């Protein structure tokens, strides 16, 4: 069995397969951690899991860019189905999935940024001397 790094007309190469499975594991792990966070009380475990969740989200964003570039510069294997409508639909669903991942990551990033800014302004206000 010969290892192929690049895609060919008959199959995906090692780089594409690794991108796929690494991102799959990271996304599923991040999803599970996100579900766990909903039920946890504030404390050190929640803080740790929240930071892991944020880091994995950033990793997804970082991995999407080279993965899309790799897909654009590489050959895409010939589909096995042969149905041109399903082939086109699968292509659109694929890109829609990337879109959802980016929108979700961006939304969470913005929510966290606004929450951090709000919390820091409250802590500054509580340190201000009272005018009374």
Protein backbone atom coordinates (compact mmCIF):
# COMPACT_ATOMS: atom_id res chain seq x y z
CA UNK A 1 0.00 0.00 0.00
CA UNK A 2 1.44 3.30 -1.11
CA UNK A 3 0.92 6.41 1.05
CA UNK A 4 -0.36 9.36 -0.94
CA UNK A 5 -0.08 12.81 0.54
CA UNK A 6 -2.05 14.48 -2.26
CA UNK A 7 -5.58 13.69 -3.38
CA UNK A 8 -6.06 11.76 -6.59
CA UNK A 9 -9.05 11.10 -8.80
CA UNK A 10 -9.68 7.85 -6.91
CA UNK A 11 -9.30 8.94 -3.29
CA UNK A 12 -8.30 11.49 -0.72
CA UNK A 13 -4.67 11.78 0.33
CA UNK A 14 -3.14 11.62 3.79
CA UNK A 15 -3.27 15.39 4.37
CA UNK A 16 -7.00 15.65 3.56
CA UNK A 17 -7.81 12.61 5.68
CA UNK A 18 -5.85 14.00 8.63
CA UNK A 19 -7.54 17.40 8.33
CA UNK A 20 -10.91 15.63 8.26
CA UNK A 21 -10.39 13.38 11.28
CA UNK A 22 -8.54 15.89 13.44
CA UNK A 23 -11.30 18.45 12.88
CA UNK A 24 -13.99 15.82 13.50
CA UNK A 25 -12.50 14.88 16.87
CA UNK A 26 -11.96 18.54 17.88
CA UNK A 27 -15.50 19.58 16.88
CA UNK A 28 -17.19 16.65 18.65
CA UNK A 29 -15.06 17.15 21.76
CA UNK A 30 -15.86 20.87 21.75
CA UNK A 31 -19.57 20.14 21.36
CA UNK A 32 -19.55 17.70 24.29
CA UNK A 33 -17.64 20.17 26.49
CA UNK A 34 -20.13 22.89 25.53
CA UNK A 35 -23.02 20.68 26.63
CA UNK A 36 -21.27 19.90 29.90
CA UNK A 37 -20.72 23.60 30.59
CA UNK A 38 -24.46 24.25 30.63
CA UNK A 39 -24.96 22.07 33.71
CA UNK A 40 -21.88 23.02 35.73
CA UNK A 41 -21.94 25.49 38.59
CA UNK A 42 -19.34 28.25 38.64
CA UNK A 43 -16.06 26.97 39.97
CA UNK A 44 -12.59 25.77 38.97
CA UNK A 45 -13.84 22.85 36.82
CA UNK A 46 -16.19 25.09 34.84
CA UNK A 47 -13.41 27.65 34.39
CA UNK A 48 -11.01 24.95 33.12
CA UNK A 49 -13.56 23.41 30.74
CA UNK A 50 -14.60 26.85 29.47
CA UNK A 51 -10.98 27.69 28.64
CA UNK A 52 -10.52 24.34 26.88
CA UNK A 53 -13.77 24.98 24.97
CA UNK A 54 -12.54 28.41 23.86
CA UNK A 55 -9.13 27.04 22.86
CA UNK A 56 -10.68 24.24 20.80
CA UNK A 57 -12.96 26.78 19.10
CA UNK A 58 -9.96 28.88 18.13
CA UNK A 59 -8.22 25.73 16.90
CA UNK A 60 -11.22 24.99 14.64
CA UNK A 61 -11.00 28.48 13.15
CA UNK A 62 -7.26 28.10 12.63
CA UNK A 63 -7.66 24.65 11.00
CA UNK A 64 -10.49 25.67 8.67
CA UNK A 65 -8.32 28.14 6.75
CA UNK A 66 -5.56 25.70 5.66
CA UNK A 67 -8.14 22.97 5.13
CA UNK A 68 -10.12 25.14 2.69
CA UNK A 69 -6.92 26.23 0.95
CA UNK A 70 -5.82 22.60 0.69
CA UNK A 71 -9.19 21.70 -0.80
CA UNK A 72 -8.95 24.52 -3.34
CA UNK A 73 -5.47 23.61 -4.60
CA UNK A 74 -5.98 19.83 -4.60
CA UNK A 75 -7.84 17.45 -6.86
CA UNK A 76 -11.22 16.30 -5.55
CA UNK A 77 -11.80 12.58 -6.11
CA UNK A 78 -14.50 11.51 -8.54
CA UNK A 79 -17.76 10.80 -6.75
CA UNK A 80 -18.98 7.25 -6.58
CA UNK A 81 -22.69 7.99 -6.92
CA UNK A 82 -22.73 9.42 -10.41
CA UNK A 83 -25.89 11.44 -9.70
CA UNK A 84 -25.05 15.02 -10.66
CA UNK A 85 -27.79 16.51 -8.44
CA UNK A 86 -26.61 14.63 -5.35
CA UNK A 87 -23.01 15.52 -6.17
CA UNK A 88 -23.91 19.20 -6.34
CA UNK A 89 -26.01 18.97 -3.18
CA UNK A 90 -23.17 17.30 -1.27
CA UNK A 91 -20.81 20.07 -2.37
CA UNK A 92 -23.20 22.79 -1.11
CA UNK A 93 -23.83 20.95 2.16
CA UNK A 94 -20.06 20.65 2.63
CA UNK A 95 -19.52 24.38 2.26
CA UNK A 96 -22.59 25.16 4.35
CA UNK A 97 -21.03 23.11 7.15
CA UNK A 98 -17.88 25.26 6.98
CA UNK A 99 -20.07 28.36 7.05
CA UNK A 100 -21.96 27.15 10.14
CA UNK A 101 -18.69 26.33 11.92
CA UNK A 102 -17.28 29.78 11.21
CA UNK A 103 -20.49 31.58 12.18
CA UNK A 104 -20.82 29.58 15.41
CA UNK A 105 -17.20 30.17 16.37
CA UNK A 106 -17.48 33.88 15.57
CA UNK A 107 -20.73 34.20 17.55
CA UNK A 108 -19.18 32.53 20.59
CA UNK A 109 -16.06 34.67 20.29
CA UNK A 110 -18.14 37.86 20.15
CA UNK A 111 -20.31 36.75 23.07
CA UNK A 112 -17.23 36.03 25.17
CA UNK A 113 -15.59 39.31 24.15
CA UNK A 114 -18.68 41.32 25.09
CA UNK A 115 -19.04 39.40 28.36
CA UNK A 116 -15.38 40.02 29.21
CA UNK A 117 -15.70 43.71 28.40
CA UNK A 118 -18.91 43.97 30.47
CA UNK A 119 -17.33 42.19 33.43
CA UNK A 120 -14.21 44.35 33.31
CA UNK A 121 -16.30 47.56 33.23
CA UNK A 122 -18.28 46.33 36.25
CA UNK A 123 -15.11 45.54 38.16
CA UNK A 124 -13.71 49.00 37.36
CA UNK A 125 -16.94 50.61 38.53
CA UNK A 126 -16.84 48.69 41.80
CA UNK A 127 -13.29 49.96 42.47
CA UNK A 128 -14.25 53.59 41.90
CA UNK A 129 -14.59 55.59 45.10
CA UNK A 130 -18.12 56.61 45.92
CA UNK A 131 -18.97 60.29 45.56
CA UNK A 132 -20.82 60.40 48.88
